[in-house]
Amino acid sequence: MKTIPLDEHTAAHVADLFNAFSDTSRVRIISAMIDQEITISELSKLIGLTESAISHHMRGLRQLKIVRTRRNGREVFYRIIDPHLINLFRQGIDHVEES
């Protein structure tokens, strides 16, 4: 199978996706969300970042369509629903742990 270079639009989206993994705080947030739906407050306690910092990262992850939200009353729950992204993230972890 011959590889065809990506068009500029697709390349930009792939670069944005991988850029989401370029910050250790975002990586820790994503790792906490892989198997569960979670609130910013719960993430803050789990990760040890302020709610403001978590909210900032979540805004970016929402814009990239990496996370989805669900509202229950006043609480907003976040989760990752794309199985491709979850697999990619887990493969990255496997790669690092095997090195």
N, C-alpha and C. Protein backbone atom coordinates (compact mmCIF):
# COMPACT_ATOMS: atom_id res chain seq x y z
N MET A 1 0.84 -1.17 0.00
CA MET A 1 0.00 0.00 0.00
C MET A 1 0.89 1.25 0.00
N LYS A 2 0.67 2.11 -0.96
CA LYS A 2 1.46 3.33 -1.09
C LYS A 2 0.91 4.41 -0.16
N THR A 3 1.81 5.07 0.58
CA THR A 3 1.42 6.14 1.48
C THR A 3 1.29 7.43 0.68
N ILE A 4 0.18 8.11 0.87
CA ILE A 4 -0.07 9.38 0.20
C ILE A 4 0.10 10.48 1.25
N PRO A 5 0.85 11.55 0.92
CA PRO A 5 0.99 12.64 1.89
C PRO A 5 -0.36 13.24 2.26
N LEU A 6 -0.50 13.61 3.51
CA LEU A 6 -1.74 14.20 3.99
C LEU A 6 -1.94 15.59 3.40
N ASP A 7 -3.20 15.95 3.20
CA ASP A 7 -3.49 17.33 2.81
C ASP A 7 -3.28 18.22 4.03
N GLU A 8 -3.17 19.51 3.81
CA GLU A 8 -2.85 20.47 4.88
C GLU A 8 -3.88 20.45 6.00
N HIS A 9 -5.15 20.36 5.65
CA HIS A 9 -6.23 20.36 6.64
C HIS A 9 -6.12 19.15 7.58
N THR A 10 -5.96 17.98 7.01
CA THR A 10 -5.85 16.75 7.81
C THR A 10 -4.58 16.78 8.65
N ALA A 11 -3.47 17.23 8.06
CA ALA A 11 -2.21 17.31 8.79
C ALA A 11 -2.33 18.25 9.99
N ALA A 12 -3.04 19.35 9.83
CA ALA A 12 -3.22 20.30 10.94
C ALA A 12 -4.00 19.67 12.07
N HIS A 13 -5.04 18.88 11.74
CA HIS A 13 -5.84 18.23 12.79
C HIS A 13 -5.04 17.15 13.51
N VAL A 14 -4.24 16.41 12.79
CA VAL A 14 -3.40 15.38 13.42
C VAL A 14 -2.37 16.06 14.34
N ALA A 15 -1.78 17.15 13.88
CA ALA A 15 -0.81 17.89 14.70
C ALA A 15 -1.48 18.42 15.97
N ASP A 16 -2.70 18.93 15.84
CA ASP A 16 -3.43 19.42 17.02
C ASP A 16 -3.69 18.29 18.00
N LEU A 17 -4.07 17.12 17.49
CA LEU A 17 -4.33 15.98 18.36
C LEU A 17 -3.07 15.61 19.15
N PHE A 18 -1.94 15.48 18.46
CA PHE A 18 -0.72 15.11 19.16
C PHE A 18 -0.23 16.23 20.07
N ASN A 19 -0.54 17.47 19.73
CA ASN A 19 -0.19 18.59 20.60
C ASN A 19 -0.92 18.48 21.95
N ALA A 20 -2.10 17.89 21.95
CA ALA A 20 -2.83 17.70 23.21
C ALA A 20 -2.04 16.83 24.17
N PHE A 21 -1.17 15.98 23.65
CA PHE A 21 -0.35 15.10 24.48
C PHE A 21 0.99 15.73 24.85
N SER A 22 1.20 17.00 24.49
CA SER A 22 2.51 17.63 24.68
C SER A 22 2.68 18.29 26.05
N ASP A 23 1.66 18.28 26.86
CA ASP A 23 1.73 18.91 28.18
C ASP A 23 1.49 17.85 29.25
N THR A 24 2.38 17.78 30.24
CA THR A 24 2.26 16.73 31.24
C THR A 24 0.97 16.82 32.05
N SER A 25 0.49 18.02 32.30
CA SER A 25 -0.78 18.15 33.03
C SER A 25 -1.93 17.58 32.21
N ARG A 26 -1.97 17.88 30.91
CA ARG A 26 -3.03 17.32 30.07
C ARG A 26 -2.94 15.81 29.99
N VAL A 27 -1.73 15.29 29.90
CA VAL A 27 -1.54 13.83 29.85
C VAL A 27 -2.07 13.20 31.12
N ARG A 28 -1.80 13.81 32.27
CA ARG A 28 -2.29 13.28 33.54
C ARG A 28 -3.81 13.36 33.61
N ILE A 29 -4.38 14.46 33.11
CA ILE A 29 -5.84 14.61 33.08
C ILE A 29 -6.45 13.54 32.19
N ILE A 30 -5.91 13.37 31.00
CA ILE A 30 -6.44 12.35 30.08
C ILE A 30 -6.33 10.97 30.70
N SER A 31 -5.20 10.69 31.36
CA SER A 31 -5.04 9.36 31.96
C SER A 31 -6.08 9.10 33.04
N ALA A 32 -6.48 10.14 33.76
CA ALA A 32 -7.50 9.99 34.81
C ALA A 32 -8.89 9.79 34.23
N MET A 33 -9.07 10.17 32.97
CA MET A 33 -10.39 10.10 32.35
C MET A 33 -10.58 8.88 31.44
N ILE A 34 -9.54 8.13 31.19
CA ILE A 34 -9.61 7.04 30.21
C ILE A 34 -10.74 6.07 30.51
N ASP A 35 -10.92 5.69 31.76
CA ASP A 35 -11.91 4.67 32.10
C ASP A 35 -13.09 5.19 32.89
N GLN A 36 -13.23 6.51 32.98
CA GLN A 36 -14.31 7.03 33.82
C GLN A 36 -14.76 8.41 33.39
N GLU A 37 -15.96 8.71 33.78
CA GLU A 37 -16.52 10.04 33.65
C GLU A 37 -16.19 10.77 34.95
N ILE A 38 -15.79 12.05 34.87
CA ILE A 38 -15.28 12.71 36.07
C ILE A 38 -15.53 14.22 35.99
N THR A 39 -15.66 14.84 37.16
CA THR A 39 -15.86 16.29 37.24
C THR A 39 -14.52 16.99 37.41
N ILE A 40 -14.52 18.29 37.18
CA ILE A 40 -13.31 19.09 37.37
C ILE A 40 -12.86 19.04 38.82
N SER A 41 -13.81 19.08 39.74
CA SER A 41 -13.49 19.00 41.17
C SER A 41 -12.78 17.69 41.50
N GLU A 42 -13.30 16.59 40.98
CA GLU A 42 -12.68 15.28 41.23
C GLU A 42 -11.30 15.21 40.59
N LEU A 43 -11.17 15.74 39.38
CA LEU A 43 -9.86 15.76 38.71
C LEU A 43 -8.85 16.58 39.51
N SER A 44 -9.29 17.70 40.04
CA SER A 44 -8.42 18.57 40.82
C SER A 44 -7.84 17.83 42.02
N LYS A 45 -8.69 17.11 42.73
CA LYS A 45 -8.25 16.34 43.89
C LYS A 45 -7.32 15.20 43.48
N LEU A 46 -7.65 14.53 42.38
CA LEU A 46 -6.90 13.37 41.93
C LEU A 46 -5.53 13.75 41.37
N ILE A 47 -5.49 14.82 40.61
CA ILE A 47 -4.26 15.22 39.92
C ILE A 47 -3.41 16.17 40.77
N GLY A 48 -4.07 16.97 41.60
CA GLY A 48 -3.34 17.93 42.41
C GLY A 48 -3.14 19.28 41.74
N LEU A 49 -3.97 19.59 40.77
CA LEU A 49 -3.96 20.90 40.12
C LEU A 49 -5.19 21.68 40.58
N THR A 50 -5.14 22.99 40.44
CA THR A 50 -6.30 23.80 40.81
C THR A 50 -7.44 23.55 39.83
N GLU A 51 -8.65 23.80 40.28
CA GLU A 51 -9.81 23.65 39.40
C GLU A 51 -9.70 24.60 38.21
N SER A 52 -9.14 25.77 38.44
CA SER A 52 -8.95 26.74 37.36
C SER A 52 -8.01 26.17 36.28
N ALA A 53 -6.93 25.56 36.70
CA ALA A 53 -5.97 24.97 35.75
C ALA A 53 -6.63 23.82 34.98
N ILE A 54 -7.37 22.98 35.70
CA ILE A 54 -8.07 21.86 35.04
C ILE A 54 -9.07 22.41 34.02
N SER A 55 -9.84 23.43 34.41
CA SER A 55 -10.82 24.03 33.50
C SER A 55 -10.16 24.55 32.24
N HIS A 56 -9.02 25.17 32.40
CA HIS A 56 -8.28 25.70 31.25
C HIS A 56 -7.92 24.58 30.28
N HIS A 57 -7.39 23.49 30.81
CA HIS A 57 -7.03 22.35 29.96
C HIS A 57 -8.26 21.71 29.33
N MET A 58 -9.34 21.62 30.09
CA MET A 58 -10.56 21.00 29.56
C MET A 58 -11.14 21.80 28.40
N ARG A 59 -11.03 23.12 28.48
CA ARG A 59 -11.51 23.96 27.38
C ARG A 59 -10.80 23.58 26.08
N GLY A 60 -9.48 23.43 26.17
CA GLY A 60 -8.71 23.03 24.99
C GLY A 60 -9.05 21.64 24.51
N LEU A 61 -9.23 20.72 25.44
CA LEU A 61 -9.57 19.34 25.07
C LEU A 61 -10.97 19.26 24.45
N ARG A 62 -11.88 20.10 24.92
CA ARG A 62 -13.22 20.16 24.32
C ARG A 62 -13.16 20.71 22.91
N GLN A 63 -12.36 21.76 22.71
CA GLN A 63 -12.22 22.36 21.39
C GLN A 63 -11.65 21.37 20.38
N LEU A 64 -10.77 20.50 20.85
CA LEU A 64 -10.20 19.47 19.98
C LEU A 64 -11.11 18.26 19.83
N LYS A 65 -12.25 18.30 20.50
CA LYS A 65 -13.22 17.20 20.48
C LYS A 65 -12.63 15.90 21.02
N ILE A 66 -11.78 16.06 22.04
CA ILE A 66 -11.19 14.92 22.73
C ILE A 66 -12.07 14.49 23.88
N VAL A 67 -12.71 15.46 24.54
CA VAL A 67 -13.61 15.14 25.64
C VAL A 67 -15.02 15.63 25.33
N ARG A 68 -15.99 14.98 25.95
CA ARG A 68 -17.40 15.36 25.86
C ARG A 68 -17.89 15.67 27.26
N THR A 69 -18.94 16.43 27.33
CA THR A 69 -19.50 16.78 28.63
C THR A 69 -20.92 16.26 28.76
N ARG A 70 -21.31 16.07 30.02
CA ARG A 70 -22.68 15.71 30.36
C ARG A 70 -23.01 16.46 31.63
N ARG A 71 -24.11 17.17 31.60
CA ARG A 71 -24.52 17.96 32.77
C ARG A 71 -25.56 17.18 33.57
N ASN A 72 -25.37 17.20 34.91
CA ASN A 72 -26.34 16.62 35.83
C ASN A 72 -26.56 17.67 36.92
N GLY A 73 -27.62 18.46 36.76
CA GLY A 73 -27.84 19.57 37.68
C GLY A 73 -26.76 20.60 37.49
N ARG A 74 -26.05 20.92 38.56
CA ARG A 74 -24.97 21.91 38.48
C ARG A 74 -23.63 21.29 38.14
N GLU A 75 -23.55 19.98 38.19
CA GLU A 75 -22.28 19.31 37.92
C GLU A 75 -22.13 19.01 36.43
N VAL A 76 -20.89 19.16 35.96
CA VAL A 76 -20.56 18.82 34.58
C VAL A 76 -19.56 17.68 34.63
N PHE A 77 -19.89 16.61 33.94
CA PHE A 77 -19.03 15.43 33.89
C PHE A 77 -18.33 15.40 32.54
N TYR A 78 -17.06 15.04 32.56
CA TYR A 78 -16.24 14.96 31.36
C TYR A 78 -15.84 13.52 31.12
N ARG A 79 -15.75 13.18 29.83
CA ARG A 79 -15.27 11.84 29.49
C ARG A 79 -14.70 11.82 28.09
N ILE A 80 -13.88 10.84 27.85
CA ILE A 80 -13.32 10.60 26.53
C ILE A 80 -14.15 9.47 25.92
N ILE A 81 -14.71 9.69 24.75
CA ILE A 81 -15.56 8.65 24.18
C ILE A 81 -15.01 8.04 22.90
N ASP A 82 -13.96 8.61 22.35
CA ASP A 82 -13.42 8.10 21.09
C ASP A 82 -12.47 6.93 21.37
N PRO A 83 -12.86 5.72 20.98
CA PRO A 83 -12.01 4.56 21.25
C PRO A 83 -10.65 4.64 20.55
N HIS A 84 -10.58 5.35 19.42
CA HIS A 84 -9.30 5.50 18.73
C HIS A 84 -8.32 6.30 19.59
N LEU A 85 -8.82 7.35 20.19
CA LEU A 85 -7.99 8.18 21.06
C LEU A 85 -7.53 7.40 22.28
N ILE A 86 -8.44 6.65 22.88
CA ILE A 86 -8.11 5.83 24.05
C ILE A 86 -7.03 4.82 23.68
N ASN A 87 -7.19 4.15 22.54
CA ASN A 87 -6.18 3.17 22.09
C ASN A 87 -4.83 3.83 21.83
N LEU A 88 -4.85 5.00 21.17
CA LEU A 88 -3.63 5.73 20.89
C LEU A 88 -2.91 6.10 22.19
N PHE A 89 -3.67 6.58 23.16
CA PHE A 89 -3.10 6.98 24.44
C PHE A 89 -2.50 5.76 25.15
N ARG A 90 -3.23 4.67 25.17
CA ARG A 90 -2.72 3.45 25.83
C ARG A 90 -1.49 2.91 25.11
N GLN A 91 -1.46 3.00 23.78
CA GLN A 91 -0.27 2.56 23.05
C GLN A 91 0.93 3.42 23.39
N GLY A 92 0.69 4.72 23.58
CA GLY A 92 1.78 5.61 24.00
C GLY A 92 2.33 5.21 25.35
N ILE A 93 1.44 4.89 26.28
CA ILE A 93 1.86 4.44 27.61
C ILE A 93 2.64 3.13 27.50
N ASP A 94 2.11 2.17 26.72
CA ASP A 94 2.81 0.90 26.53
C ASP A 94 4.20 1.12 25.95
N HIS A 95 4.31 2.01 24.99
CA HIS A 95 5.60 2.29 24.35
C HIS A 95 6.60 2.83 25.38
N VAL A 96 6.16 3.77 26.20
CA VAL A 96 7.05 4.36 27.21
C VAL A 96 7.43 3.33 28.27
N GLU A 97 6.48 2.53 28.70
CA GLU A 97 6.76 1.55 29.75
C GLU A 97 7.66 0.42 29.27
N GLU A 98 7.65 0.12 27.98
CA GLU A 98 8.50 -0.95 27.44
C GLU A 98 9.90 -0.46 27.11
N SER A 99 10.08 0.84 27.03
CA SER A 99 11.40 1.39 26.66
C SER A 99 12.38 1.30 27.81
